[in-house]
PDB file of all heavy atoms in Angstrom:
ATOM      1  N   LEU A   1    -137.489-110.903  24.203  1.00  0.00           N
ATOM      2  CA  LEU A   1    -137.463-110.785  25.652  1.00  0.00           C
ATOM      3  C   LEU A   1    -137.710-112.124  26.314  1.00  0.00           C
ATOM      4  O   LEU A   1    -138.532-112.910  25.867  1.00  0.00           O
ATOM      5  CB  LEU A   1    -138.519-109.775  26.124  1.00  0.00           C
ATOM      6  CG  LEU A   1    -138.255-108.305  25.792  1.00  0.00           C
ATOM      7  CD1 LEU A   1    -139.441-107.460  26.222  1.00  0.00           C
ATOM      8  CD2 LEU A   1    -136.993-107.808  26.455  1.00  0.00           C
ATOM      9  N   TRP A   2    -136.998-112.341  27.431  1.00  0.00           N
ATOM     10  CA  TRP A   2    -137.148-113.580  28.182  1.00  0.00           C
ATOM     11  C   TRP A   2    -137.440-113.258  29.646  1.00  0.00           C
ATOM     12  O   TRP A   2    -136.830-112.368  30.227  1.00  0.00           O
ATOM     13  CB  TRP A   2    -135.863-114.423  28.125  1.00  0.00           C
ATOM     14  CG  TRP A   2    -135.573-114.992  26.782  1.00  0.00           C
ATOM     15  CD1 TRP A   2    -135.172-114.310  25.673  1.00  0.00           C
ATOM     16  CD2 TRP A   2    -135.668-116.362  26.390  1.00  0.00           C
ATOM     17  NE1 TRP A   2    -135.009-115.167  24.618  1.00  0.00           N
ATOM     18  CE2 TRP A   2    -135.301-116.431  25.026  1.00  0.00           C
ATOM     19  CE3 TRP A   2    -136.001-117.532  27.052  1.00  0.00           C
ATOM     20  CZ2 TRP A   2    -135.272-117.623  24.326  1.00  0.00           C
ATOM     21  CZ3 TRP A   2    -135.968-118.732  26.355  1.00  0.00           C
ATOM     22  CH2 TRP A   2    -135.618-118.763  25.011  1.00  0.00           C
ATOM     23  N   ALA A   3    -138.385-113.978  30.215  1.00  0.00           N
ATOM     24  CA  ALA A   3    -138.591-113.950  31.671  1.00  0.00           C
ATOM     25  C   ALA A   3    -137.880-115.188  32.185  1.00  0.00           C
ATOM     26  O   ALA A   3    -138.462-116.261  32.283  1.00  0.00           O
ATOM     27  CB  ALA A   3    -140.077-113.965  32.022  1.00  0.00           C
ATOM     28  N   LEU A   4    -136.590-115.030  32.491  1.00  0.00           N
ATOM     29  CA  LEU A   4    -135.715-116.174  32.740  1.00  0.00           C
ATOM     30  C   LEU A   4    -134.743-115.829  33.855  1.00  0.00           C
ATOM     31  O   LEU A   4    -134.243-114.707  33.931  1.00  0.00           O
ATOM     32  CB  LEU A   4    -134.943-116.503  31.460  1.00  0.00           C
ATOM     33  CG  LEU A   4    -134.056-117.741  31.431  1.00  0.00           C
ATOM     34  CD1 LEU A   4    -134.903-119.005  31.445  1.00  0.00           C
ATOM     35  CD2 LEU A   4    -133.182-117.715  30.177  1.00  0.00           C
ATOM     36  N   ALA A   5    -134.520-116.783  34.750  1.00  0.00           N
ATOM     37  CA  ALA A   5    -133.503-116.581  35.778  1.00  0.00           C
ATOM     38  C   ALA A   5    -132.161-116.346  35.090  1.00  0.00           C
ATOM     39  O   ALA A   5    -131.718-117.185  34.297  1.00  0.00           O
ATOM     40  CB  ALA A   5    -133.444-117.793  36.693  1.00  0.00           C
ATOM     41  N   PRO A   6    -131.478-115.218  35.350  1.00  0.00           N
ATOM     42  CA  PRO A   6    -130.286-114.848  34.572  1.00  0.00           C
ATOM     43  C   PRO A   6    -129.165-115.859  34.625  1.00  0.00           C
ATOM     44  O   PRO A   6    -128.435-116.019  33.650  1.00  0.00           O
ATOM     45  CB  PRO A   6    -129.875-113.497  35.195  1.00  0.00           C
ATOM     46  CG  PRO A   6    -130.524-113.463  36.531  1.00  0.00           C
ATOM     47  CD  PRO A   6    -131.799-114.226  36.378  1.00  0.00           C
ATOM     48  N   GLN A   7    -129.008-116.558  35.751  1.00  0.00           N
ATOM     49  CA  GLN A   7    -127.912-117.514  35.836  1.00  0.00           C
ATOM     50  C   GLN A   7    -128.103-118.714  34.921  1.00  0.00           C
ATOM     51  O   GLN A   7    -127.186-119.500  34.710  1.00  0.00           O
ATOM     52  CB  GLN A   7    -127.710-117.994  37.280  1.00  0.00           C
ATOM     53  CG  GLN A   7    -128.908-118.687  37.902  1.00  0.00           C
ATOM     54  CD  GLN A   7    -129.765-117.724  38.694  1.00  0.00           C
ATOM     55  OE1 GLN A   7    -130.062-116.644  38.207  1.00  0.00           O
ATOM     56  NE2 GLN A   7    -130.136-118.102  39.896  1.00  0.00           N
ATOM     57  N   PHE A   8    -129.330-118.859  34.371  1.00  0.00           N
ATOM     58  CA  PHE A   8    -129.595-119.973  33.462  1.00  0.00           C
ATOM     59  C   PHE A   8    -129.611-119.533  31.992  1.00  0.00           C
ATOM     60  O   PHE A   8    -129.789-120.358  31.109  1.00  0.00           O
ATOM     61  CB  PHE A   8    -130.936-120.619  33.801  1.00  0.00           C
ATOM     62  CG  PHE A   8    -130.976-121.249  35.161  1.00  0.00           C
ATOM     63  CD1 PHE A   8    -131.542-120.576  36.224  1.00  0.00           C
ATOM     64  CD2 PHE A   8    -130.428-122.496  35.386  1.00  0.00           C
ATOM     65  CE1 PHE A   8    -131.579-121.139  37.488  1.00  0.00           C
ATOM     66  CE2 PHE A   8    -130.462-123.071  36.644  1.00  0.00           C
ATOM     67  CZ  PHE A   8    -131.036-122.386  37.706  1.00  0.00           C
ATOM     68  N   ALA A   9    -129.452-118.243  31.751  1.00  0.00           N
ATOM     69  CA  ALA A   9    -129.608-117.724  30.394  1.00  0.00           C
ATOM     70  C   ALA A   9    -128.623-118.353  29.417  1.00  0.00           C
ATOM     71  O   ALA A   9    -128.991-118.818  28.337  1.00  0.00           O
ATOM     72  CB  ALA A   9    -129.462-116.202  30.405  1.00  0.00           C
ATOM     73  N   GLU A  10    -127.342-118.373  29.787  1.00  0.00           N
ATOM     74  CA  GLU A  10    -126.324-118.908  28.880  1.00  0.00           C
ATOM     75  C   GLU A  10    -126.561-120.390  28.611  1.00  0.00           C
ATOM     76  O   GLU A  10    -126.453-120.858  27.470  1.00  0.00           O
ATOM     77  CB  GLU A  10    -124.931-118.693  29.484  1.00  0.00           C
ATOM     78  CG  GLU A  10    -123.795-118.990  28.521  1.00  0.00           C
ATOM     79  CD  GLU A  10    -123.724-117.981  27.384  1.00  0.00           C
ATOM     80  OE1 GLU A  10    -124.178-116.837  27.579  1.00  0.00           O
ATOM     81  OE2 GLU A  10    -123.201-118.348  26.316  1.00  0.00           O
ATOM     82  N   GLN A  11    -126.905-121.112  29.682  1.00  0.00           N
ATOM     83  CA  GLN A  11    -127.146-122.555  29.528  1.00  0.00           C
ATOM     84  C   GLN A  11    -128.331-122.815  28.601  1.00  0.00           C
ATOM     85  O   GLN A  11    -128.294-123.703  27.751  1.00  0.00           O
ATOM     86  CB  GLN A  11    -127.403-123.178  30.897  1.00  0.00           C
ATOM     87  CG  GLN A  11    -127.764-124.658  30.830  1.00  0.00           C
ATOM     88  CD  GLN A  11    -128.125-125.216  32.198  1.00  0.00           C
ATOM     89  OE1 GLN A  11    -127.786-124.624  33.218  1.00  0.00           O
ATOM     90  NE2 GLN A  11    -128.819-126.336  32.204  1.00  0.00           N
ATOM     91  N   VAL A  12    -129.393-122.013  28.768  1.00  0.00           N
ATOM     92  CA  VAL A  12    -130.587-122.198  27.947  1.00  0.00           C
ATOM     93  C   VAL A  12    -130.285-121.951  26.473  1.00  0.00           C
ATOM     94  O   VAL A  12    -130.677-122.722  25.587  1.00  0.00           O
ATOM     95  CB  VAL A  12    -131.708-121.261  28.432  1.00  0.00           C
ATOM     96  CG1 VAL A  12    -132.838-121.207  27.408  1.00  0.00           C
ATOM     97  CG2 VAL A  12    -132.229-121.730  29.776  1.00  0.00           C
ATOM     98  N   LEU A  13    -129.548-120.889  26.188  1.00  0.00           N
ATOM     99  CA  LEU A  13    -129.228-120.585  24.794  1.00  0.00           C
ATOM    100  C   LEU A  13    -128.344-121.666  24.178  1.00  0.00           C
ATOM    101  O   LEU A  13    -128.495-122.022  23.012  1.00  0.00           O
ATOM    102  CB  LEU A  13    -128.548-119.221  24.710  1.00  0.00           C
ATOM    103  CG  LEU A  13    -129.445-118.014  25.044  1.00  0.00           C
ATOM    104  CD1 LEU A  13    -128.625-116.731  25.023  1.00  0.00           C
ATOM    105  CD2 LEU A  13    -130.603-117.913  24.062  1.00  0.00           C
ATOM    106  N   CYS A  14    -127.438-122.203  24.978  1.00  0.00           N
ATOM    107  CA  CYS A  14    -126.588-123.295  24.472  1.00  0.00           C
ATOM    108  C   CYS A  14    -127.413-124.552  24.205  1.00  0.00           C
ATOM    109  O   CYS A  14    -127.190-125.252  23.208  1.00  0.00           O
ATOM    110  CB  CYS A  14    -125.478-123.597  25.476  1.00  0.00           C
ATOM    111  SG  CYS A  14    -124.224-122.301  25.592  1.00  0.00           S
ATOM    112  N   ASP A  15    -128.373-124.808  25.080  1.00  0.00           N
ATOM    113  CA  ASP A  15    -129.239-125.971  24.882  1.00  0.00           C
ATOM    114  C   ASP A  15    -130.045-125.843  23.597  1.00  0.00           C
ATOM    115  O   ASP A  15    -130.210-126.799  22.844  1.00  0.00           O
ATOM    116  CB  ASP A  15    -130.186-126.137  26.072  1.00  0.00           C
ATOM    117  CG  ASP A  15    -129.461-126.648  27.311  1.00  0.00           C
ATOM    118  OD1 ASP A  15    -128.326-127.123  27.166  1.00  0.00           O
ATOM    119  OD2 ASP A  15    -130.046-126.561  28.413  1.00  0.00           O
ATOM    120  N   ILE A  16    -130.542-124.641  23.349  1.00  0.00           N
ATOM    121  CA  ILE A  16    -131.327-124.414  22.129  1.00  0.00           C
ATOM    122  C   ILE A  16    -130.467-124.634  20.886  1.00  0.00           C
ATOM    123  O   ILE A  16    -130.891-125.267  19.908  1.00  0.00           O
ATOM    124  CB  ILE A  16    -131.920-122.986  22.134  1.00  0.00           C
ATOM    125  CG1 ILE A  16    -132.989-122.862  23.221  1.00  0.00           C
ATOM    126  CG2 ILE A  16    -132.508-122.640  20.767  1.00  0.00           C
ATOM    127  CD1 ILE A  16    -133.548-121.459  23.367  1.00  0.00           C
ATOM    128  N   GLN A  17    -129.240-124.135  20.944  1.00  0.00           N
ATOM    129  CA  GLN A  17    -128.347-124.303  19.795  1.00  0.00           C
ATOM    130  C   GLN A  17    -128.029-125.784  19.565  1.00  0.00           C
ATOM    131  O   GLN A  17    -127.964-126.252  18.426  1.00  0.00           O
ATOM    132  CB  GLN A  17    -127.062-123.515  20.034  1.00  0.00           C
ATOM    133  CG  GLN A  17    -126.214-123.352  18.775  1.00  0.00           C
ATOM    134  CD  GLN A  17    -125.130-122.317  18.953  1.00  0.00           C
ATOM    135  OE1 GLN A  17    -124.695-122.061  20.070  1.00  0.00           O
ATOM    136  NE2 GLN A  17    -124.693-121.706  17.852  1.00  0.00           N
ATOM    137  N   ALA A  18    -127.854-126.538  20.668  1.00  0.00           N
ATOM    138  CA  ALA A  18    -127.576-127.963  20.538  1.00  0.00           C
ATOM    139  C   ALA A  18    -128.758-128.704  19.933  1.00  0.00           C
ATOM    140  O   ALA A  18    -128.593-129.617  19.115  1.00  0.00           O
ATOM    141  CB  ALA A  18    -127.228-128.543  21.906  1.00  0.00           C
ATOM    142  N   ARG A  19    -129.950-128.288  20.316  1.00  0.00           N
ATOM    143  CA  ARG A  19    -131.146-128.955  19.777  1.00  0.00           C
ATOM    144  C   ARG A  19    -131.294-128.711  18.277  1.00  0.00           C
ATOM    145  O   ARG A  19    -131.895-129.505  17.567  1.00  0.00           O
ATOM    146  CB  ARG A  19    -132.387-128.469  20.512  1.00  0.00           C
ATOM    147  CG  ARG A  19    -132.505-129.013  21.927  1.00  0.00           C
ATOM    148  CD  ARG A  19    -133.593-128.267  22.682  1.00  0.00           C
ATOM    149  NE  ARG A  19    -133.598-128.678  24.074  1.00  0.00           N
ATOM    150  CZ  ARG A  19    -134.597-129.293  24.672  1.00  0.00           C
ATOM    151  NH1 ARG A  19    -135.669-129.603  23.994  1.00  0.00           N
ATOM    152  NH2 ARG A  19    -134.542-129.600  25.946  1.00  0.00           N
ATOM    153  N   MET A  20    -130.770-127.569  17.796  1.00  0.00           N
ATOM    154  CA  MET A  20    -130.878-127.272  16.365  1.00  0.00           C
ATOM    155  C   MET A  20    -130.070-128.263  15.529  1.00  0.00           C
ATOM    156  O   MET A  20    -130.374-128.496  14.362  1.00  0.00           O
ATOM    157  CB  MET A  20    -130.405-125.842  16.096  1.00  0.00           C
ATOM    158  CG  MET A  20    -131.291-124.767  16.722  1.00  0.00           C
ATOM    159  SD  MET A  20    -130.623-123.101  16.502  1.00  0.00           S
ATOM    160  CE  MET A  20    -130.767-122.912  14.735  1.00  0.00           C
ATOM    161  N   THR A  21    -129.031-128.837  16.121  1.00  0.00           N
ATOM    162  CA  THR A  21    -128.187-129.762  15.362  1.00  0.00           C
ATOM    163  C   THR A  21    -128.477-131.226  15.660  1.00  0.00           C
ATOM    164  O   THR A  21    -128.098-132.098  14.889  1.00  0.00           O
ATOM    165  CB  THR A  21    -126.704-129.484  15.662  1.00  0.00           C
ATOM    166  OG1 THR A  21    -126.483-129.602  17.076  1.00  0.00           O
ATOM    167  CG2 THR A  21    -126.334-128.080  15.227  1.00  0.00           C
ATOM    168  N   SER A  22    -129.116-131.494  16.810  1.00  0.00           N
ATOM    169  CA  SER A  22    -129.426-132.888  17.148  1.00  0.00           C
ATOM    170  C   SER A  22    -130.776-132.949  17.841  1.00  0.00           C
ATOM    171  O   SER A  22    -130.868-132.815  19.050  1.00  0.00           O
ATOM    172  CB  SER A  22    -128.354-133.465  18.077  1.00  0.00           C
ATOM    173  OG  SER A  22    -128.265-132.723  19.260  1.00  0.00           O
ATOM    174  N   TRP A  23    -131.803-133.080  17.048  1.00  0.00           N
ATOM    175  CA  TRP A  23    -133.162-133.098  17.575  1.00  0.00           C
ATOM    176  C   TRP A  23    -133.808-134.445  17.303  1.00  0.00           C
ATOM    177  O   TRP A  23    -133.735-134.974  16.212  1.00  0.00           O
ATOM    178  CB  TRP A  23    -133.997-131.979  16.938  1.00  0.00           C
ATOM    179  CG  TRP A  23    -135.425-132.045  17.314  1.00  0.00           C
ATOM    180  CD1 TRP A  23    -135.959-131.980  18.561  1.00  0.00           C
ATOM    181  CD2 TRP A  23    -136.539-132.197  16.429  1.00  0.00           C
ATOM    182  NE1 TRP A  23    -137.321-132.072  18.527  1.00  0.00           N
ATOM    183  CE2 TRP A  23    -137.704-132.209  17.219  1.00  0.00           C
ATOM    184  CE3 TRP A  23    -136.657-132.322  15.037  1.00  0.00           C
ATOM    185  CZ2 TRP A  23    -138.975-132.336  16.683  1.00  0.00           C
ATOM    186  CZ3 TRP A  23    -137.921-132.437  14.509  1.00  0.00           C
ATOM    187  CH2 TRP A  23    -139.062-132.447  15.322  1.00  0.00           C
ATOM    188  N   ARG A  24    -134.412-135.000  18.339  1.00  0.00           N
ATOM    189  CA  ARG A  24    -135.148-136.251  18.185  1.00  0.00           C
ATOM    190  C   ARG A  24    -136.526-136.078  18.797  1.00  0.00           C
ATOM    191  O   ARG A  24    -136.663-135.561  19.906  1.00  0.00           O
ATOM    192  CB  ARG A  24    -134.423-137.401  18.887  1.00  0.00           C
ATOM    193  CG  ARG A  24    -133.112-137.774  18.252  1.00  0.00           C
ATOM    194  CD  ARG A  24    -132.490-138.941  18.974  1.00  0.00           C
ATOM    195  NE  ARG A  24    -132.226-138.636  20.375  1.00  0.00           N
ATOM    196  CZ  ARG A  24    -131.789-139.535  21.249  1.00  0.00           C
ATOM    197  NH1 ARG A  24    -131.601-140.786  20.888  1.00  0.00           N
ATOM    198  NH2 ARG A  24    -131.562-139.185  22.502  1.00  0.00           N
ATOM    199  N   MET A  25    -137.513-136.514  18.082  1.00  0.00           N
ATOM    200  CA  MET A  25    -138.877-136.430  18.595  1.00  0.00           C
ATOM    201  C   MET A  25    -139.022-137.349  19.799  1.00  0.00           C
ATOM    202  O   MET A  25    -138.576-138.480  19.788  1.00  0.00           O
ATOM    203  CB  MET A  25    -139.889-136.843  17.521  1.00  0.00           C
ATOM    204  CG  MET A  25    -140.030-135.853  16.390  1.00  0.00           C
ATOM    205  SD  MET A  25    -140.824-134.325  16.931  1.00  0.00           S
ATOM    206  CE  MET A  25    -142.492-134.927  17.205  1.00  0.00           C
ATOM    207  N   SER A  26    -139.664-136.839  20.864  1.00  0.00           N
ATOM    208  CA  SER A  26    -139.899-137.645  22.063  1.00  0.00           C
ATOM    209  C   SER A  26    -141.186-138.450  21.972  1.00  0.00           C
ATOM    210  O   SER A  26    -141.439-139.300  22.812  1.00  0.00           O
ATOM    211  CB  SER A  26    -139.959-136.736  23.296  1.00  0.00           C
ATOM    212  OG  SER A  26    -140.989-135.784  23.163  1.00  0.00           O
ATOM    213  N   VAL A  27    -141.983-138.166  20.952  1.00  0.00           N
ATOM    214  CA  VAL A  27    -143.260-138.870  20.790  1.00  0.00           C
ATOM    215  C   VAL A  27    -143.195-139.703  19.512  1.00  0.00           C
ATOM    216  O   VAL A  27    -142.834-139.192  18.455  1.00  0.00           O
ATOM    217  CB  VAL A  27    -144.434-137.865  20.705  1.00  0.00           C
ATOM    218  CG1 VAL A  27    -145.750-138.608  20.537  1.00  0.00           C
ATOM    219  CG2 VAL A  27    -144.456-136.986  21.941  1.00  0.00           C
ATOM    220  N   PRO A  28    -143.514-140.994  19.583  1.00  0.00           N
ATOM    221  CA  PRO A  28    -143.481-141.832  18.392  1.00  0.00           C
ATOM    222  C   PRO A  28    -144.372-141.274  17.287  1.00  0.00           C
ATOM    223  O   PRO A  28    -145.415-140.671  17.557  1.00  0.00           O
ATOM    224  CB  PRO A  28    -144.006-143.181  18.893  1.00  0.00           C
ATOM    225  CG  PRO A  28    -143.721-143.167  20.361  1.00  0.00           C
ATOM    226  CD  PRO A  28    -143.884-141.747  20.782  1.00  0.00           C
ATOM    227  N   ALA A  29    -143.948-141.503  16.057  1.00  0.00           N
ATOM    228  CA  ALA A  29    -144.712-141.007  14.916  1.00  0.00           C
ATOM    229  C   ALA A  29    -146.117-141.596  14.924  1.00  0.00           C
ATOM    230  O   ALA A  29    -146.315-142.771  15.202  1.00  0.00           O
ATOM    231  CB  ALA A  29    -143.990-141.374  13.616  1.00  0.00           C
ATOM    232  N   GLY A  30    -147.089-140.730  14.615  1.00  0.00           N
ATOM    233  CA  GLY A  30    -148.470-141.183  14.550  1.00  0.00           C
ATOM    234  C   GLY A  30    -149.206-141.184  15.873  1.00  0.00           C
ATOM    235  O   GLY A  30    -150.391-141.489  15.927  1.00  0.00           O
ATOM    236  N   GLN A  31    -148.503-140.833  16.964  1.00  0.00           N
ATOM    237  CA  GLN A  31    -149.136-140.801  18.273  1.00  0.00           C
ATOM    238  C   GLN A  31    -149.211-139.369  18.793  1.00  0.00           C
ATOM    239  O   GLN A  31    -148.309-138.573  18.589  1.00  0.00           O
ATOM    240  CB  GLN A  31    -148.371-141.657  19.280  1.00  0.00           C
ATOM    241  CG  GLN A  31    -148.366-143.139  18.960  1.00  0.00           C
ATOM    242  CD  GLN A  31    -147.679-143.946  20.052  1.00  0.00           C
ATOM    243  OE1 GLN A  31    -147.502-143.469  21.157  1.00  0.00           O
ATOM    244  NE2 GLN A  31    -147.306-145.169  19.721  1.00  0.00           N
ATOM    245  N   GLU A  32    -150.308-139.060  19.472  1.00  0.00           N
ATOM    246  CA  GLU A  32    -150.459-137.764  20.094  1.00  0.00           C
ATOM    247  C   GLU A  32    -149.711-137.754  21.429  1.00  0.00           C
ATOM    248  O   GLU A  32    -149.770-138.719  22.179  1.00  0.00           O
ATOM    249  CB  GLU A  32    -151.944-137.451  20.332  1.00  0.00           C
ATOM    250  CG  GLU A  32    -152.722-137.122  19.072  1.00  0.00           C
ATOM    251  CD  GLU A  32    -152.246-135.823  18.434  1.00  0.00           C
ATOM    252  OE1 GLU A  32    -151.880-134.897  19.176  1.00  0.00           O
ATOM    253  OE2 GLU A  32    -152.228-135.758  17.196  1.00  0.00           O
ATOM    254  N   PRO A  33    -148.999-136.686  21.769  1.00  0.00           N
ATOM    255  CA  PRO A  33    -148.319-136.626  23.065  1.00  0.00           C
ATOM    256  C   PRO A  33    -149.336-136.599  24.201  1.00  0.00           C
ATOM    257  O   PRO A  33    -150.418-136.044  24.067  1.00  0.00           O
ATOM    258  CB  PRO A  33    -147.541-135.310  22.995  1.00  0.00           C
ATOM    259  CG  PRO A  33    -148.251-134.489  21.966  1.00  0.00           C
ATOM    260  CD  PRO A  33    -148.787-135.466  20.962  1.00  0.00           C
ATOM    261  N   ARG A  34    -148.970-137.214  25.285  1.00  0.00           N
ATOM    262  CA  ARG A  34    -149.857-137.238  26.444  1.00  0.00           C
ATOM    263  C   ARG A  34    -149.774-135.900  27.154  1.00  0.00           C
ATOM    264  O   ARG A  34    -148.711-135.480  27.597  1.00  0.00           O
ATOM    265  CB  ARG A  34    -149.442-138.366  27.390  1.00  0.00           C
ATOM    266  CG  ARG A  34    -150.421-138.585  28.529  1.00  0.00           C
ATOM    267  CD  ARG A  34    -150.019-139.793  29.335  1.00  0.00           C
ATOM    268  NE  ARG A  34    -150.997-140.095  30.356  1.00  0.00           N
ATOM    269  CZ  ARG A  34    -150.913-141.119  31.199  1.00  0.00           C
ATOM    270  NH1 ARG A  34    -149.880-141.937  31.100  1.00  0.00           N
ATOM    271  NH2 ARG A  34    -151.831-141.328  32.105  1.00  0.00           N
ATOM    272  N   ARG A  35    -150.916-135.250  27.291  1.00  0.00           N
ATOM    273  CA  ARG A  35    -150.933-133.888  27.817  1.00  0.00           C
ATOM    274  C   ARG A  35    -150.973-133.835  29.343  1.00  0.00           C
ATOM    275  O   ARG A  35    -150.544-132.849  29.921  1.00  0.00           O
ATOM    276  CB  ARG A  35    -152.142-133.130  27.248  1.00  0.00           C
ATOM    277  CG  ARG A  35    -152.112-132.973  25.744  1.00  0.00           C
ATOM    278  CD  ARG A  35    -150.986-132.053  25.312  1.00  0.00           C
ATOM    279  NE  ARG A  35    -150.914-131.932  23.863  1.00  0.00           N
ATOM    280  CZ  ARG A  35    -150.044-131.167  23.231  1.00  0.00           C
ATOM    281  NH1 ARG A  35    -149.164-130.468  23.908  1.00  0.00           N
ATOM    282  NH2 ARG A  35    -150.024-131.106  21.918  1.00  0.00           N
ATOM    283  N   PHE A  36    -151.524-134.840  30.000  1.00  0.00           N
ATOM    284  CA  PHE A  36    -151.547-134.845  31.459  1.00  0.00           C
ATOM    285  C   PHE A  36    -151.681-136.280  31.951  1.00  0.00           C
ATOM    286  O   PHE A  36    -152.085-137.176  31.213  1.00  0.00           O
ATOM    287  CB  PHE A  36    -152.696-133.986  32.011  1.00  0.00           C
ATOM    288  CG  PHE A  36    -154.070-134.497  31.699  1.00  0.00           C
ATOM    289  CD1 PHE A  36    -154.673-135.463  32.506  1.00  0.00           C
ATOM    290  CD2 PHE A  36    -154.783-134.022  30.610  1.00  0.00           C
ATOM    291  CE1 PHE A  36    -155.944-135.941  32.229  1.00  0.00           C
ATOM    292  CE2 PHE A  36    -156.053-134.492  30.314  1.00  0.00           C
ATOM    293  CZ  PHE A  36    -156.634-135.460  31.135  1.00  0.00           C
ATOM    294  N   SER A  37    -151.317-136.487  33.207  1.00  0.00           N
ATOM    295  CA  SER A  37    -151.518-137.787  33.848  1.00  0.00           C
ATOM    296  C   SER A  37    -152.615-137.634  34.889  1.00  0.00           C
ATOM    297  O   SER A  37    -152.690-136.605  35.575  1.00  0.00           O
ATOM    298  CB  SER A  37    -150.227-138.277  34.505  1.00  0.00           C
ATOM    299  OG  SER A  37    -149.784-137.365  35.492  1.00  0.00           O
ATOM    300  N   LEU A  38    -153.457-138.650  35.010  1.00  0.00           N
ATOM    301  CA  LEU A  38    -154.586-138.593  35.942  1.00  0.00           C
ATOM    302  C   LEU A  38    -154.220-139.357  37.204  1.00  0.00           C
ATOM    303  O   LEU A  38    -153.939-140.554  37.164  1.00  0.00           O
ATOM    304  CB  LEU A  38    -155.838-139.196  35.288  1.00  0.00           C
ATOM    305  CG  LEU A  38    -157.137-139.059  36.094  1.00  0.00           C
ATOM    306  CD1 LEU A  38    -157.497-137.587  36.260  1.00  0.00           C
ATOM    307  CD2 LEU A  38    -158.274-139.802  35.396  1.00  0.00           C
ATOM    308  N   ARG A  39    -154.245-138.673  38.327  1.00  0.00           N
ATOM    309  CA  ARG A  39    -153.905-139.281  39.623  1.00  0.00           C
ATOM    310  C   ARG A  39    -154.973-138.932  40.644  1.00  0.00           C
ATOM    311  O   ARG A  39    -155.109-137.776  41.035  1.00  0.00           O
ATOM    312  CB  ARG A  39    -152.533-138.797  40.094  1.00  0.00           C
ATOM    313  CG  ARG A  39    -151.405-139.206  39.161  1.00  0.00           C
ATOM    314  CD  ARG A  39    -150.093-138.571  39.563  1.00  0.00           C
ATOM    315  NE  ARG A  39    -149.711-138.920  40.929  1.00  0.00           N
ATOM    316  CZ  ARG A  39    -148.641-138.396  41.545  1.00  0.00           C
ATOM    317  NH1 ARG A  39    -147.876-137.516  40.908  1.00  0.00           N
ATOM    318  NH2 ARG A  39    -148.351-138.749  42.772  1.00  0.00           N
ATOM    319  N   ARG A  40    -155.753-139.951  41.026  1.00  0.00           N
ATOM    320  CA  ARG A  40    -156.821-139.793  42.025  1.00  0.00           C
ATOM    321  C   ARG A  40    -157.772-138.656  41.680  1.00  0.00           C
ATOM    322  O   ARG A  40    -158.191-137.885  42.527  1.00  0.00           O
ATOM    323  CB  ARG A  40    -156.215-139.575  43.408  1.00  0.00           C
ATOM    324  CG  ARG A  40    -155.584-140.835  43.982  1.00  0.00           C
ATOM    325  CD  ARG A  40    -155.028-140.572  45.357  1.00  0.00           C
ATOM    326  NE  ARG A  40    -153.818-139.774  45.314  1.00  0.00           N
ATOM    327  CZ  ARG A  40    -153.417-138.956  46.270  1.00  0.00           C
ATOM    328  NH1 ARG A  40    -154.141-138.792  47.352  1.00  0.00           N
ATOM    329  NH2 ARG A  40    -152.288-138.290  46.155  1.00  0.00           N
TER     330      ARG A  40
END
């Protein structure tokens, strides 16, 4: 089940399928991803 705006459903599923064949980590190896930014 998905709680998803229906007009985006097809696009989302296509994006997921594309990621299965071409995935690149956005965080350099050995580094923890930044969870939040501190502003004031």
